[in-house]
Amino acid sequence: MRTFLAAAAAIAWLGGAASAQPVPAAELIADFDANLARGEAIVGEIGAMHARDQFLRRLIMQGFQREMTGEARTAYIEGTRRHFDRIDGANSDRLQDLLREISWAELVALSPAAADQAFSLISHSSDVAFKRRMIAEFEPLARAGQMPGDRFAMLVDDVAMQERRPQVYGTNFRCLDGVYLPHPTEAMDQLNARRAAIGLSSIEEYTAIVRSSYGACPPGYTGN
């Protein structure tokens, strides 16, 4: 944001020295048409994939809000997994195709809303190599405050779990004997400091959000 403000100030200063020439309407229309031609299909396709992604997750969350035994919760997760594999897999493959046509920076410039939706699709992908590529691209943005820190943190933790390593930021939780706790996370005594460094709330505050979103852990239950 500060970079954009500085650039705007520089442009304004230059404008004071020499007035900018008015842009012909034909040029404005041509630019508009070119951007629309390039972006309309991509933005629309990402939006459609994101709609399926969120519909799927709203359905599963509705079930979690209902009273159930630990056995029923396990059966519910396993019985619906095939739909997540199908929809998330197709979305991941297609999004990778699209990101070969347009860079992440170009997508953000074209449509911040579509970039937000694309991030959700990335986070739900099971393709670790894809996620690693995006982590490398996102890290400098997150460190510079140009991307919400929770997005970067979730992606880092997802890859750690897929590779059976401890999480870094404690964003993935499980029920452990009826209590919500983060999946194994490195250096828990330094966790809140790591979270604060990229703009995340404390693990205690995040735990309360998880508990509210996913409903109560069934007593004696251990699992997701």
Protein backbone atom coordinates (compact mmCIF):
# COMPACT_ATOMS: atom_id res chain seq x y z
CA MET A 1 0.00 0.00 0.00
CA ARG A 2 2.78 2.46 0.91
CA THR A 3 4.48 1.64 -2.39
CA PHE A 4 1.32 2.51 -4.32
CA LEU A 5 0.89 5.75 -2.38
CA ALA A 6 4.48 6.71 -3.08
CA ALA A 7 4.00 5.98 -6.77
CA ALA A 8 0.81 8.01 -6.85
CA ALA A 9 2.58 10.93 -5.18
CA ALA A 10 5.37 10.75 -7.73
CA ILE A 11 2.88 10.77 -10.58
CA ALA A 12 1.06 13.74 -9.08
CA TRP A 13 4.34 15.62 -8.70
CA LEU A 14 5.25 14.95 -12.30
CA GLY A 15 1.79 16.02 -13.36
CA GLY A 16 2.34 19.38 -11.74
CA ALA A 17 5.43 19.92 -13.84
CA ALA A 18 3.89 18.87 -17.15
CA SER A 19 0.19 18.17 -17.72
CA ALA A 20 -0.58 14.68 -18.98
CA GLN A 21 -2.11 14.47 -22.43
CA PRO A 22 -5.77 13.33 -22.44
CA VAL A 23 -6.17 9.70 -23.47
CA PRO A 24 -8.35 9.23 -26.56
CA ALA A 25 -11.57 7.30 -25.98
CA ALA A 26 -10.59 4.80 -28.65
CA GLU A 27 -7.44 3.88 -26.68
CA LEU A 28 -9.41 3.52 -23.44
CA ILE A 29 -11.95 1.26 -25.14
CA ALA A 30 -9.22 -0.84 -26.77
CA ASP A 31 -7.48 -1.36 -23.41
CA PHE A 32 -10.79 -2.26 -21.79
CA ASP A 33 -11.63 -4.76 -24.53
CA ALA A 34 -8.19 -6.37 -24.36
CA ASN A 35 -8.31 -6.79 -20.57
CA LEU A 36 -11.85 -8.14 -20.70
CA ALA A 37 -10.96 -10.60 -23.46
CA ARG A 38 -8.03 -11.92 -21.46
CA GLY A 39 -9.63 -11.93 -18.03
CA GLU A 40 -13.31 -12.72 -18.43
CA ALA A 41 -12.92 -16.45 -19.03
CA ILE A 42 -10.21 -16.91 -16.38
CA VAL A 43 -12.08 -14.95 -13.70
CA GLY A 44 -15.31 -16.75 -14.53
CA GLU A 45 -13.71 -20.19 -14.42
CA ILE A 46 -11.96 -19.54 -11.11
CA GLY A 47 -15.24 -18.26 -9.70
CA ALA A 48 -17.09 -21.40 -10.77
CA MET A 49 -14.43 -23.68 -9.24
CA HIS A 50 -14.50 -21.68 -6.02
CA ALA A 51 -18.30 -21.92 -5.84
CA ARG A 52 -18.10 -25.73 -5.98
CA ASP A 53 -15.27 -25.71 -3.43
CA GLN A 54 -17.24 -23.62 -0.94
CA PHE A 55 -20.52 -25.48 -1.51
CA LEU A 56 -18.74 -28.73 -0.64
CA ARG A 57 -17.28 -27.26 2.54
CA ARG A 58 -20.51 -25.65 3.68
CA LEU A 59 -22.19 -29.04 3.42
CA ILE A 60 -19.56 -30.80 5.53
CA MET A 61 -19.64 -28.02 8.14
CA GLN A 62 -23.40 -28.35 8.49
CA GLY A 63 -22.89 -31.95 9.54
CA PHE A 64 -20.18 -31.05 12.05
CA GLN A 65 -22.60 -28.71 13.81
CA ARG A 66 -24.92 -31.61 14.65
CA GLU A 67 -24.60 -33.84 17.69
CA MET A 68 -22.83 -37.10 16.86
CA THR A 69 -20.74 -39.82 18.42
CA GLY A 70 -17.05 -40.21 17.70
CA GLU A 71 -17.81 -43.27 15.59
CA ALA A 72 -20.36 -41.34 13.54
CA ARG A 73 -17.93 -38.45 13.03
CA THR A 74 -15.27 -40.81 11.65
CA ALA A 75 -17.81 -42.48 9.34
CA TYR A 76 -19.07 -39.06 8.19
CA ILE A 77 -15.57 -37.88 7.25
CA GLU A 78 -14.65 -41.12 5.49
CA GLY A 79 -18.02 -41.41 3.76
CA THR A 80 -17.74 -37.95 2.17
CA ARG A 81 -14.02 -38.00 1.36
CA ARG A 82 -14.54 -39.20 -2.21
CA HIS A 83 -16.30 -35.96 -3.10
CA PHE A 84 -13.42 -33.86 -1.77
CA ASP A 85 -10.92 -35.99 -3.72
CA ARG A 86 -12.92 -35.53 -6.92
CA ILE A 87 -13.70 -31.82 -6.71
CA ASP A 88 -10.43 -30.66 -5.12
CA GLY A 89 -8.41 -32.77 -7.56
CA ALA A 90 -10.16 -31.36 -10.62
CA ASN A 91 -9.89 -27.79 -9.31
CA SER A 92 -6.17 -28.20 -8.56
CA ASP A 93 -5.36 -29.57 -12.02
CA ARG A 94 -7.30 -26.84 -13.81
CA LEU A 95 -5.94 -24.01 -11.67
CA GLN A 96 -2.39 -25.10 -12.46
CA ASP A 97 -3.26 -24.92 -16.15
CA LEU A 98 -4.61 -21.39 -15.70
CA LEU A 99 -1.53 -20.26 -13.76
CA ARG A 100 0.59 -21.28 -16.73
CA GLU A 101 -1.39 -18.79 -18.81
CA ILE A 102 -1.29 -15.94 -16.30
CA SER A 103 1.14 -15.21 -13.47
CA TRP A 104 -0.02 -14.75 -9.88
CA ALA A 105 0.91 -11.05 -10.02
CA GLU A 106 -1.13 -10.64 -13.22
CA LEU A 107 -4.11 -12.40 -11.65
CA VAL A 108 -4.00 -10.14 -8.58
CA ALA A 109 -3.83 -7.07 -10.80
CA LEU A 110 -6.63 -8.34 -13.02
CA SER A 111 -9.01 -9.32 -10.20
CA PRO A 112 -8.11 -9.35 -6.48
CA ALA A 113 -11.36 -11.24 -5.84
CA ALA A 114 -10.39 -14.00 -8.28
CA ALA A 115 -6.94 -14.21 -6.66
CA ASP A 116 -8.62 -14.68 -3.25
CA GLN A 117 -10.71 -17.49 -4.70
CA ALA A 118 -7.69 -19.07 -6.37
CA PHE A 119 -5.85 -19.12 -3.06
CA SER A 120 -8.65 -21.18 -1.50
CA LEU A 121 -8.33 -23.67 -4.35
CA ILE A 122 -4.56 -23.88 -3.84
CA SER A 123 -4.96 -24.48 -0.11
CA HIS A 124 -7.36 -27.37 -0.75
CA SER A 125 -5.11 -29.07 -3.30
CA SER A 126 -3.43 -32.34 -2.39
CA ASP A 127 -0.60 -31.68 -4.88
CA VAL A 128 2.39 -30.96 -2.63
CA ALA A 129 4.68 -29.91 -5.47
CA PHE A 130 2.12 -27.32 -6.59
CA LYS A 131 1.76 -25.98 -3.06
CA ARG A 132 5.54 -25.76 -2.64
CA ARG A 133 5.83 -23.67 -5.79
CA MET A 134 3.17 -21.31 -4.55
CA ILE A 135 4.74 -21.08 -1.06
CA ALA A 136 7.99 -19.91 -2.66
CA GLU A 137 6.04 -17.24 -4.56
CA PHE A 138 3.89 -16.18 -1.60
CA GLU A 139 6.52 -16.01 1.17
CA PRO A 140 8.07 -12.65 0.20
CA LEU A 141 4.58 -11.20 -0.22
CA ALA A 142 3.50 -12.40 3.24
CA ARG A 143 6.71 -11.18 4.89
CA ALA A 144 6.23 -7.77 3.29
CA GLY A 145 2.59 -7.53 4.39
CA GLN A 146 1.34 -7.74 0.79
CA MET A 147 -0.64 -10.93 1.46
CA PRO A 148 -2.62 -11.94 4.55
CA GLY A 149 -0.30 -13.92 6.80
CA ASP A 150 -2.90 -16.57 7.60
CA ARG A 151 -2.95 -17.69 3.98
CA PHE A 152 0.77 -18.25 3.84
CA ALA A 153 0.73 -19.96 7.27
CA MET A 154 -2.05 -22.36 6.29
CA LEU A 155 -0.24 -23.37 3.13
CA VAL A 156 3.04 -23.96 4.98
CA ASP A 157 1.27 -26.07 7.61
CA ASP A 158 -0.70 -28.05 5.02
CA VAL A 159 2.49 -29.07 3.24
CA ALA A 160 4.17 -29.93 6.55
CA MET A 161 1.30 -32.26 7.43
CA GLN A 162 1.22 -33.83 3.98
CA GLU A 163 4.93 -34.55 4.40
CA ARG A 164 4.38 -35.82 7.97
CA ARG A 165 6.38 -33.01 9.57
CA PRO A 166 5.38 -30.80 12.53
CA GLN A 167 3.45 -27.67 11.63
CA VAL A 168 5.10 -24.27 11.86
CA TYR A 169 2.08 -22.08 12.70
CA GLY A 170 -0.41 -24.50 14.27
CA THR A 171 -3.26 -23.84 11.84
CA ASN A 172 -4.50 -27.44 11.50
CA PHE A 173 -6.42 -28.91 14.43
CA ARG A 174 -7.73 -32.28 15.55
CA CYS A 175 -9.94 -33.63 18.30
CA LEU A 176 -7.83 -35.37 20.92
CA ASP A 177 -9.92 -37.27 23.43
CA GLY A 178 -12.75 -34.76 23.04
CA VAL A 179 -10.58 -31.59 23.06
CA TYR A 180 -9.48 -29.44 20.09
CA LEU A 181 -5.69 -29.16 19.87
CA PRO A 182 -3.28 -28.24 17.04
CA HIS A 183 -1.75 -31.14 15.17
CA PRO A 184 1.90 -31.58 16.28
CA THR A 185 3.64 -28.22 15.93
CA GLU A 186 7.31 -27.36 16.31
CA ALA A 187 8.57 -25.35 19.31
CA MET A 188 5.19 -24.71 20.92
CA ASP A 189 6.74 -22.30 23.42
CA GLN A 190 7.59 -19.99 20.50
CA LEU A 191 4.38 -20.55 18.53
CA ASN A 192 2.62 -17.28 19.37
CA ALA A 193 5.76 -15.32 18.48
CA ARG A 194 5.92 -17.00 15.06
CA ARG A 195 2.22 -16.37 14.52
CA ALA A 196 2.52 -12.72 15.52
CA ALA A 197 5.45 -12.23 13.12
CA ILE A 198 3.13 -12.74 10.14
CA GLY A 199 0.09 -11.06 11.65
CA LEU A 200 -1.80 -14.03 13.12
CA SER A 201 -3.81 -14.03 16.34
CA SER A 202 -2.64 -16.08 19.32
CA ILE A 203 -3.12 -19.84 19.27
CA GLU A 204 -5.57 -19.45 22.17
CA GLU A 205 -7.79 -17.09 20.16
CA TYR A 206 -7.55 -19.33 17.10
CA THR A 207 -8.54 -22.39 19.14
CA ALA A 208 -11.75 -20.61 20.20
CA ILE A 209 -12.56 -19.90 16.55
CA VAL A 210 -11.98 -23.55 15.60
CA ARG A 211 -14.23 -24.74 18.43
CA SER A 212 -17.00 -22.36 17.35
CA SER A 213 -16.75 -23.31 13.66
CA TYR A 214 -16.54 -27.10 13.95
CA GLY A 215 -18.80 -27.78 16.91
CA ALA A 216 -17.92 -29.81 19.97
CA CYS A 217 -15.50 -32.73 19.84
CA PRO A 218 -17.41 -35.85 20.90
CA PRO A 219 -16.20 -37.04 24.33
CA GLY A 220 -13.49 -39.66 24.03
CA TYR A 221 -13.09 -39.06 20.28
CA THR A 222 -9.70 -38.62 18.64
CA GLY A 223 -9.46 -37.59 14.97
CA ASN A 224 -10.23 -34.72 12.62
